[in-house]
Amino acid sequence: MDKIIGAEINTAVLIVHHKKDKCKLTRFNYAQDFAKSLHSPKKQFLFYDEGEASGRNCGPLHYHGFEAIGEKVANDIAERITSDANSIK
């Protein structure tokens, strides 16, 4: 992401990741390092360690796809977006 976005962005950023993600391209430590190094007016980093993994490492039926916690993750994301939108009013 740092190659796409860079080290600085002028908008709020929400990074969502799973600590047990085994995809070789999206390991948790990569997301964590990106979150630490990114300069943004507002950034939040949500991470999860619960869920299940019944499929391949880089697929929806694994930690990579937030298996068994997808609804919780979606609700958490929606809550963050909604709370930010409400704070602007």
PDB file of N, CA and C in Angstrom:
ATOM      1  N   MET A   1       0.812  -1.186   0.000  1.00  0.00           N
ATOM      2  CA  MET A   1       0.000   0.000   0.000  1.00  0.00           C
ATOM      3  C   MET A   1       0.859   1.255   0.000  1.00  0.00           C
ATOM      4  N   ASP A   2       1.995   1.184   0.661  1.00  0.00           N
ATOM      5  CA  ASP A   2       2.828   2.386   0.698  1.00  0.00           C
ATOM      6  C   ASP A   2       3.336   2.773  -0.689  1.00  0.00           C
ATOM      7  N   LYS A   3       3.465   1.802  -1.580  1.00  0.00           N
ATOM      8  CA  LYS A   3       3.890   2.103  -2.948  1.00  0.00           C
ATOM      9  C   LYS A   3       2.753   2.728  -3.751  1.00  0.00           C
ATOM     10  N   ILE A   4       1.520   2.426  -3.392  1.00  0.00           N
ATOM     11  CA  ILE A   4       0.361   2.980  -4.082  1.00  0.00           C
ATOM     12  C   ILE A   4      -0.010   4.339  -3.503  1.00  0.00           C
ATOM     13  N   ILE A   5      -0.095   4.420  -2.195  1.00  0.00           N
ATOM     14  CA  ILE A   5      -0.534   5.638  -1.520  1.00  0.00           C
ATOM     15  C   ILE A   5       0.630   6.580  -1.213  1.00  0.00           C
ATOM     16  N   GLY A   6       1.761   6.000  -0.847  1.00  0.00           N
ATOM     17  CA  GLY A   6       2.894   6.806  -0.403  1.00  0.00           C
ATOM     18  C   GLY A   6       2.917   6.875   1.109  1.00  0.00           C
ATOM     19  N   ALA A   7       3.724   7.763   1.645  1.00  0.00           N
ATOM     20  CA  ALA A   7       3.876   7.878   3.093  1.00  0.00           C
ATOM     21  C   ALA A   7       2.967   8.937   3.694  1.00  0.00           C
ATOM     22  N   GLU A   8       2.293   9.707   2.834  1.00  0.00           N
ATOM     23  CA  GLU A   8       1.439  10.771   3.333  1.00  0.00           C
ATOM     24  C   GLU A   8       0.189  10.866   2.469  1.00  0.00           C
ATOM     25  N   ILE A   9      -0.928  11.082   3.135  1.00  0.00           N
ATOM     26  CA  ILE A   9      -2.205  11.218   2.432  1.00  0.00           C
ATOM     27  C   ILE A   9      -3.020  12.288   3.155  1.00  0.00           C
ATOM     28  N   ASN A  10      -3.796  13.040   2.417  1.00  0.00           N
ATOM     29  CA  ASN A  10      -4.536  14.164   2.997  1.00  0.00           C
ATOM     30  C   ASN A  10      -5.990  13.842   3.299  1.00  0.00           C
ATOM     31  N   THR A  11      -6.266  12.626   3.664  1.00  0.00           N
ATOM     32  CA  THR A  11      -7.623  12.222   4.008  1.00  0.00           C
ATOM     33  C   THR A  11      -7.569  11.211   5.153  1.00  0.00           C
ATOM     34  N   ALA A  12      -8.690  10.992   5.777  1.00  0.00           N
ATOM     35  CA  ALA A  12      -8.770   9.993   6.840  1.00  0.00           C
ATOM     36  C   ALA A  12      -8.582   8.595   6.249  1.00  0.00           C
ATOM     37  N   VAL A  13      -7.966   7.723   7.022  1.00  0.00           N
ATOM     38  CA  VAL A  13      -7.685   6.362   6.559  1.00  0.00           C
ATOM     39  C   VAL A  13      -8.118   5.368   7.631  1.00  0.00           C
ATOM     40  N   LEU A  14      -8.783   4.314   7.194  1.00  0.00           N
ATOM     41  CA  LEU A  14      -9.154   3.209   8.075  1.00  0.00           C
ATOM     42  C   LEU A  14      -8.518   1.953   7.510  1.00  0.00           C
ATOM     43  N   ILE A  15      -7.636   1.351   8.261  1.00  0.00           N
ATOM     44  CA  ILE A  15      -6.956   0.116   7.855  1.00  0.00           C
ATOM     45  C   ILE A  15      -7.555  -1.022   8.668  1.00  0.00           C
ATOM     46  N   VAL A  16      -7.992  -2.078   7.983  1.00  0.00           N
ATOM     47  CA  VAL A  16      -8.637  -3.217   8.635  1.00  0.00           C
ATOM     48  C   VAL A  16      -7.884  -4.467   8.235  1.00  0.00           C
ATOM     49  N   HIS A  17      -7.462  -5.250   9.238  1.00  0.00           N
ATOM     50  CA  HIS A  17      -6.637  -6.417   8.933  1.00  0.00           C
ATOM     51  C   HIS A  17      -6.814  -7.492   9.998  1.00  0.00           C
ATOM     52  N   HIS A  18      -6.457  -8.713   9.639  1.00  0.00           N
ATOM     53  CA  HIS A  18      -6.521  -9.837  10.570  1.00  0.00           C
ATOM     54  C   HIS A  18      -5.109 -10.235  10.973  1.00  0.00           C
ATOM     55  N   LYS A  19      -4.901 -10.405  12.271  1.00  0.00           N
ATOM     56  CA  LYS A  19      -3.564 -10.731  12.775  1.00  0.00           C
ATOM     57  C   LYS A  19      -3.051 -12.078  12.265  1.00  0.00           C
ATOM     58  N   LYS A  20      -3.967 -12.990  11.919  1.00  0.00           N
ATOM     59  CA  LYS A  20      -3.559 -14.326  11.477  1.00  0.00           C
ATOM     60  C   LYS A  20      -3.596 -14.491   9.963  1.00  0.00           C
ATOM     61  N   ASP A  21      -3.706 -13.405   9.235  1.00  0.00           N
ATOM     62  CA  ASP A  21      -3.728 -13.462   7.766  1.00  0.00           C
ATOM     63  C   ASP A  21      -2.451 -14.134   7.272  1.00  0.00           C
ATOM     64  N   LYS A  22      -2.586 -15.192   6.494  1.00  0.00           N
ATOM     65  CA  LYS A  22      -1.436 -15.954   5.997  1.00  0.00           C
ATOM     66  C   LYS A  22      -1.140 -15.711   4.523  1.00  0.00           C
ATOM     67  N   CYS A  23      -1.890 -14.824   3.880  1.00  0.00           N
ATOM     68  CA  CYS A  23      -1.621 -14.493   2.488  1.00  0.00           C
ATOM     69  C   CYS A  23      -0.211 -13.911   2.403  1.00  0.00           C
ATOM     70  N   LYS A  24       0.574 -14.386   1.456  1.00  0.00           N
ATOM     71  CA  LYS A  24       1.976 -13.952   1.389  1.00  0.00           C
ATOM     72  C   LYS A  24       2.118 -12.476   1.031  1.00  0.00           C
ATOM     73  N   LEU A  25       1.069 -11.876   0.478  1.00  0.00           N
ATOM     74  CA  LEU A  25       1.145 -10.468   0.096  1.00  0.00           C
ATOM     75  C   LEU A  25       0.555  -9.520   1.135  1.00  0.00           C
ATOM     76  N   THR A  26      -0.207 -10.053   2.072  1.00  0.00           N
ATOM     77  CA  THR A  26      -0.899  -9.173   3.022  1.00  0.00           C
ATOM     78  C   THR A  26      -0.691  -9.597   4.471  1.00  0.00           C
ATOM     79  N   ARG A  27       0.490  -9.966   4.808  1.00  0.00           N
ATOM     80  CA  ARG A  27       0.776 -10.377   6.197  1.00  0.00           C
ATOM     81  C   ARG A  27       0.480  -9.220   7.163  1.00  0.00           C
ATOM     82  N   PHE A  28       0.131  -9.585   8.373  1.00  0.00           N
ATOM     83  CA  PHE A  28      -0.244  -8.591   9.375  1.00  0.00           C
ATOM     84  C   PHE A  28       0.879  -7.588   9.622  1.00  0.00           C
ATOM     85  N   ASN A  29       2.111  -8.068   9.698  1.00  0.00           N
ATOM     86  CA  ASN A  29       3.205  -7.136   9.990  1.00  0.00           C
ATOM     87  C   ASN A  29       3.357  -6.082   8.890  1.00  0.00           C
ATOM     88  N   TYR A  30       3.005  -6.422   7.640  1.00  0.00           N
ATOM     89  CA  TYR A  30       3.044  -5.432   6.562  1.00  0.00           C
ATOM     90  C   TYR A  30       2.019  -4.323   6.839  1.00  0.00           C
ATOM     91  N   ALA A  31       0.811  -4.723   7.201  1.00  0.00           N
ATOM     92  CA  ALA A  31      -0.252  -3.751   7.486  1.00  0.00           C
ATOM     93  C   ALA A  31       0.107  -2.906   8.703  1.00  0.00           C
ATOM     94  N   GLN A  32       0.664  -3.540   9.693  1.00  0.00           N
ATOM     95  CA  GLN A  32       1.057  -2.840  10.909  1.00  0.00           C
ATOM     96  C   GLN A  32       2.150  -1.801  10.611  1.00  0.00           C
ATOM     97  N   ASP A  33       3.148  -2.196   9.850  1.00  0.00           N
ATOM     98  CA  ASP A  33       4.215  -1.264   9.470  1.00  0.00           C
ATOM     99  C   ASP A  33       3.666  -0.105   8.643  1.00  0.00           C
ATOM    100  N   PHE A  34       2.766  -0.423   7.716  1.00  0.00           N
ATOM    101  CA  PHE A  34       2.145   0.613   6.888  1.00  0.00           C
ATOM    102  C   PHE A  34       1.370   1.598   7.766  1.00  0.00           C
ATOM    103  N   ALA A  35       0.589   1.085   8.689  1.00  0.00           N
ATOM    104  CA  ALA A  35      -0.205   1.938   9.574  1.00  0.00           C
ATOM    105  C   ALA A  35       0.698   2.860  10.399  1.00  0.00           C
ATOM    106  N   LYS A  36       1.793   2.332  10.876  1.00  0.00           N
ATOM    107  CA  LYS A  36       2.714   3.138  11.687  1.00  0.00           C
ATOM    108  C   LYS A  36       3.381   4.236  10.867  1.00  0.00           C
ATOM    109  N   SER A  37       3.730   3.940   9.633  1.00  0.00           N
ATOM    110  CA  SER A  37       4.504   4.886   8.828  1.00  0.00           C
ATOM    111  C   SER A  37       3.649   5.904   8.079  1.00  0.00           C
ATOM    112  N   LEU A  38       2.363   5.632   7.915  1.00  0.00           N
ATOM    113  CA  LEU A  38       1.495   6.517   7.143  1.00  0.00           C
ATOM    114  C   LEU A  38       1.183   7.799   7.914  1.00  0.00           C
ATOM    115  N   HIS A  39       1.346   8.923   7.257  1.00  0.00           N
ATOM    116  CA  HIS A  39       0.981  10.222   7.837  1.00  0.00           C
ATOM    117  C   HIS A  39      -0.349  10.634   7.225  1.00  0.00           C
ATOM    118  N   SER A  40      -1.341  10.831   8.085  1.00  0.00           N
ATOM    119  CA  SER A  40      -2.695  11.149   7.664  1.00  0.00           C
ATOM    120  C   SER A  40      -3.323  12.055   8.717  1.00  0.00           C
ATOM    121  N   PRO A  41      -4.254  12.924   8.314  1.00  0.00           N
ATOM    122  CA  PRO A  41      -4.925  13.768   9.306  1.00  0.00           C
ATOM    123  C   PRO A  41      -5.641  12.937  10.372  1.00  0.00           C
ATOM    124  N   LYS A  42      -6.125  11.778   9.970  1.00  0.00           N
ATOM    125  CA  LYS A  42      -6.763  10.863  10.911  1.00  0.00           C
ATOM    126  C   LYS A  42      -6.591   9.449  10.370  1.00  0.00           C
ATOM    127  N   LYS A  43      -6.034   8.588  11.184  1.00  0.00           N
ATOM    128  CA  LYS A  43      -5.919   7.189  10.762  1.00  0.00           C
ATOM    129  C   LYS A  43      -6.324   6.291  11.921  1.00  0.00           C
ATOM    130  N   GLN A  44      -6.953   5.204  11.539  1.00  0.00           N
ATOM    131  CA  GLN A  44      -7.371   4.193  12.504  1.00  0.00           C
ATOM    132  C   GLN A  44      -6.956   2.836  11.962  1.00  0.00           C
ATOM    133  N   PHE A  45      -6.574   1.961  12.873  1.00  0.00           N
ATOM    134  CA  PHE A  45      -6.144   0.621  12.498  1.00  0.00           C
ATOM    135  C   PHE A  45      -6.968  -0.367  13.308  1.00  0.00           C
ATOM    136  N   LEU A  46      -7.891  -1.050  12.641  1.00  0.00           N
ATOM    137  CA  LEU A  46      -8.678  -2.102  13.282  1.00  0.00           C
ATOM    138  C   LEU A  46      -8.037  -3.439  12.949  1.00  0.00           C
ATOM    139  N   PHE A  47      -7.823  -4.249  13.955  1.00  0.00           N
ATOM    140  CA  PHE A  47      -7.305  -5.587  13.675  1.00  0.00           C
ATOM    141  C   PHE A  47      -8.043  -6.600  14.524  1.00  0.00           C
ATOM    142  N   TYR A  48      -8.074  -7.806  14.008  1.00  0.00           N
ATOM    143  CA  TYR A  48      -8.847  -8.877  14.612  1.00  0.00           C
ATOM    144  C   TYR A  48      -7.961 -10.105  14.780  1.00  0.00           C
ATOM    145  N   ASP A  49      -8.295 -10.931  15.770  1.00  0.00           N
ATOM    146  CA  ASP A  49      -7.561 -12.192  15.941  1.00  0.00           C
ATOM    147  C   ASP A  49      -8.484 -13.388  16.122  1.00  0.00           C
ATOM    148  N   GLU A  50      -9.795 -13.139  16.064  1.00  0.00           N
ATOM    149  CA  GLU A  50     -10.747 -14.247  16.158  1.00  0.00           C
ATOM    150  C   GLU A  50     -11.202 -14.643  14.757  1.00  0.00           C
ATOM    151  N   GLY A  51     -12.032 -15.651  14.679  1.00  0.00           N
ATOM    152  CA  GLY A  51     -12.536 -16.122  13.390  1.00  0.00           C
ATOM    153  C   GLY A  51     -12.112 -17.555  13.112  1.00  0.00           C
ATOM    154  N   GLU A  52     -12.226 -17.949  11.858  1.00  0.00           N
ATOM    155  CA  GLU A  52     -11.913 -19.322  11.455  1.00  0.00           C
ATOM    156  C   GLU A  52     -11.099 -19.311  10.175  1.00  0.00           C
ATOM    157  N   ALA A  53     -10.561 -20.478   9.849  1.00  0.00           N
ATOM    158  CA  ALA A  53      -9.789 -20.632   8.621  1.00  0.00           C
ATOM    159  C   ALA A  53     -10.028 -22.023   8.061  1.00  0.00           C
ATOM    160  N   SER A  54     -10.953 -22.138   7.104  1.00  0.00           N
ATOM    161  CA  SER A  54     -11.249 -23.452   6.536  1.00  0.00           C
ATOM    162  C   SER A  54     -10.822 -23.562   5.076  1.00  0.00           C
ATOM    163  N   GLY A  55     -10.430 -22.459   4.468  1.00  0.00           N
ATOM    164  CA  GLY A  55     -10.049 -22.462   3.056  1.00  0.00           C
ATOM    165  C   GLY A  55      -8.577 -22.175   2.856  1.00  0.00           C
ATOM    166  N   ARG A  56      -8.245 -21.813   1.626  1.00  0.00           N
ATOM    167  CA  ARG A  56      -6.850 -21.519   1.306  1.00  0.00           C
ATOM    168  C   ARG A  56      -6.421 -20.204   1.954  1.00  0.00           C
ATOM    169  N   ASN A  57      -5.117 -20.051   2.161  1.00  0.00           N
ATOM    170  CA  ASN A  57      -4.578 -18.900   2.879  1.00  0.00           C
ATOM    171  C   ASN A  57      -5.044 -17.551   2.341  1.00  0.00           C
ATOM    172  N   CYS A  58      -5.131 -17.430   1.046  1.00  0.00           N
ATOM    173  CA  CYS A  58      -5.471 -16.147   0.435  1.00  0.00           C
ATOM    174  C   CYS A  58      -6.864 -16.222  -0.171  1.00  0.00           C
ATOM    175  N   GLY A  59      -7.839 -16.445   0.666  1.00  0.00           N
ATOM    176  CA  GLY A  59      -9.195 -16.566   0.171  1.00  0.00           C
ATOM    177  C   GLY A  59     -10.211 -16.135   1.191  1.00  0.00           C
ATOM    178  N   PRO A  60     -11.479 -16.102   0.785  1.00  0.00           N
ATOM    179  CA  PRO A  60     -12.528 -15.626   1.679  1.00  0.00           C
ATOM    180  C   PRO A  60     -12.823 -16.573   2.842  1.00  0.00           C
ATOM    181  N   LEU A  61     -12.495 -17.854   2.686  1.00  0.00           N
ATOM    182  CA  LEU A  61     -12.743 -18.812   3.760  1.00  0.00           C
ATOM    183  C   LEU A  61     -11.463 -19.033   4.561  1.00  0.00           C
ATOM    184  N   HIS A  62     -10.948 -17.947   5.065  1.00  0.00           N
ATOM    185  CA  HIS A  62      -9.719 -17.952   5.863  1.00  0.00           C
ATOM    186  C   HIS A  62      -9.689 -16.649   6.637  1.00  0.00           C
ATOM    187  N   TYR A  63      -8.699 -16.475   7.466  1.00  0.00           N
ATOM    188  CA  TYR A  63      -8.573 -15.220   8.202  1.00  0.00           C
ATOM    189  C   TYR A  63      -8.482 -14.034   7.235  1.00  0.00           C
ATOM    190  N   HIS A  64      -7.882 -14.259   6.085  1.00  0.00           N
ATOM    191  CA  HIS A  64      -7.745 -13.223   5.047  1.00  0.00           C
ATOM    192  C   HIS A  64      -9.105 -12.643   4.663  1.00  0.00           C
ATOM    193  N   GLY A  65     -10.123 -13.470   4.682  1.00  0.00           N
ATOM    194  CA  GLY A  65     -11.476 -13.032   4.332  1.00  0.00           C
ATOM    195  C   GLY A  65     -12.380 -12.818   5.540  1.00  0.00           C
ATOM    196  N   PHE A  66     -11.781 -12.790   6.729  1.00  0.00           N
ATOM    197  CA  PHE A  66     -12.525 -12.584   7.975  1.00  0.00           C
ATOM    198  C   PHE A  66     -13.626 -13.634   8.149  1.00  0.00           C
ATOM    199  N   GLU A  67     -13.276 -14.879   7.840  1.00  0.00           N
ATOM    200  CA  GLU A  67     -14.258 -15.963   7.948  1.00  0.00           C
ATOM    201  C   GLU A  67     -14.824 -16.051   9.357  1.00  0.00           C
ATOM    202  N   ALA A  68     -16.122 -16.172   9.457  1.00  0.00           N
ATOM    203  CA  ALA A  68     -16.905 -16.316  10.688  1.00  0.00           C
ATOM    204  C   ALA A  68     -17.008 -15.019  11.501  1.00  0.00           C
ATOM    205  N   ILE A  69     -16.346 -13.953  11.067  1.00  0.00           N
ATOM    206  CA  ILE A  69     -16.468 -12.669  11.760  1.00  0.00           C
ATOM    207  C   ILE A  69     -16.778 -11.535  10.772  1.00  0.00           C
ATOM    208  N   GLY A  70     -17.127 -11.883   9.552  1.00  0.00           N
ATOM    209  CA  GLY A  70     -17.370 -10.886   8.513  1.00  0.00           C
ATOM    210  C   GLY A  70     -18.416  -9.852   8.904  1.00  0.00           C
ATOM    211  N   GLU A  71     -19.493 -10.294   9.519  1.00  0.00           N
ATOM    212  CA  GLU A  71     -20.547  -9.355   9.914  1.00  0.00           C
ATOM    213  C   GLU A  71     -20.037  -8.389  10.982  1.00  0.00           C
ATOM    214  N   LYS A  72     -19.280  -8.898  11.939  1.00  0.00           N
ATOM    215  CA  LYS A  72     -18.708  -8.045  12.984  1.00  0.00           C
ATOM    216  C   LYS A  72     -17.764  -7.011  12.369  1.00  0.00           C
ATOM    217  N   VAL A  73     -16.907  -7.460  11.470  1.00  0.00           N
ATOM    218  CA  VAL A  73     -15.952  -6.558  10.823  1.00  0.00           C
ATOM    219  C   VAL A  73     -16.704  -5.481  10.032  1.00  0.00           C
ATOM    220  N   ALA A  74     -17.707  -5.890   9.257  1.00  0.00           N
ATOM    221  CA  ALA A  74     -18.495  -4.934   8.474  1.00  0.00           C
ATOM    222  C   ALA A  74     -19.192  -3.923   9.381  1.00  0.00           C
ATOM    223  N   ASN A  75     -19.740  -4.385  10.492  1.00  0.00           N
ATOM    224  CA  ASN A  75     -20.398  -3.481  11.429  1.00  0.00           C
ATOM    225  C   ASN A  75     -19.403  -2.512  12.067  1.00  0.00           C
ATOM    226  N   ASP A  76     -18.216  -3.002  12.400  1.00  0.00           N
ATOM    227  CA  ASP A  76     -17.179  -2.131  12.970  1.00  0.00           C
ATOM    228  C   ASP A  76     -16.762  -1.054  11.968  1.00  0.00           C
ATOM    229  N   ILE A  77     -16.595  -1.447  10.718  1.00  0.00           N
ATOM    230  CA  ILE A  77     -16.234  -0.479   9.674  1.00  0.00           C
ATOM    231  C   ILE A  77     -17.349   0.557   9.515  1.00  0.00           C
ATOM    232  N   ALA A  78     -18.591   0.098   9.436  1.00  0.00           N
ATOM    233  CA  ALA A  78     -19.734   1.000   9.286  1.00  0.00           C
ATOM    234  C   ALA A  78     -19.824   1.959  10.472  1.00  0.00           C
ATOM    235  N   GLU A  79     -19.575   1.447  11.659  1.00  0.00           N
ATOM    236  CA  GLU A  79     -19.615   2.287  12.860  1.00  0.00           C
ATOM    237  C   GLU A  79     -18.552   3.386  12.795  1.00  0.00           C
ATOM    238  N   ARG A  80     -17.360   3.044  12.352  1.00  0.00           N
ATOM    239  CA  ARG A  80     -16.285   4.048  12.237  1.00  0.00           C
ATOM    240  C   ARG A  80     -16.640   5.105  11.196  1.00  0.00           C
ATOM    241  N   ILE A  81     -17.165   4.672  10.067  1.00  0.00           N
ATOM    242  CA  ILE A  81     -17.535   5.616   9.012  1.00  0.00           C
ATOM    243  C   ILE A  81     -18.670   6.526   9.503  1.00  0.00           C
ATOM    244  N   THR A  82     -19.665   5.935  10.115  1.00  0.00           N
ATOM    245  CA  THR A  82     -20.809   6.692  10.621  1.00  0.00           C
ATOM    246  C   THR A  82     -20.385   7.673  11.698  1.00  0.00           C
ATOM    247  N   SER A  83     -19.542   7.256  12.614  1.00  0.00           N
ATOM    248  CA  SER A  83     -19.120   8.157  13.683  1.00  0.00           C
ATOM    249  C   SER A  83     -18.308   9.323  13.115  1.00  0.00           C
ATOM    250  N   ASP A  84     -17.496   9.072  12.100  1.00  0.00           N
ATOM    251  CA  ASP A  84     -16.744  10.154  11.455  1.00  0.00           C
ATOM    252  C   ASP A  84     -17.693  11.114  10.737  1.00  0.00           C
ATOM    253  N   ALA A  85     -18.688  10.569  10.057  1.00  0.00           N
ATOM    254  CA  ALA A  85     -19.648  11.404   9.327  1.00  0.00           C
ATOM    255  C   ALA A  85     -20.458  12.265  10.307  1.00  0.00           C
ATOM    256  N   ASN A  86     -20.829  11.680  11.422  1.00  0.00           N
ATOM    257  CA  ASN A  86     -21.609  12.421  12.416  1.00  0.00           C
ATOM    258  C   ASN A  86     -20.785  13.510  13.102  1.00  0.00           C
ATOM    259  N   SER A  87     -19.489  13.318  13.204  1.00  0.00           N
ATOM    260  CA  SER A  87     -18.640  14.320  13.861  1.00  0.00           C
ATOM    261  C   SER A  87     -18.421  15.540  12.976  1.00  0.00           C
ATOM    262  N   ILE A  88     -18.695  15.418  11.683  1.00  0.00           N
ATOM    263  CA  ILE A  88     -18.508  16.524  10.741  1.00  0.00           C
ATOM    264  C   ILE A  88     -19.688  17.489  10.807  1.00  0.00           C
ATOM    265  N   LYS A  89     -20.873  16.997  11.138  1.00  0.00           N
ATOM    266  CA  LYS A  89     -22.090  17.818  11.143  1.00  0.00           C
ATOM    267  C   LYS A  89     -22.019  18.938  12.157  1.00  0.00           C
TER     268      LYS A  89
END
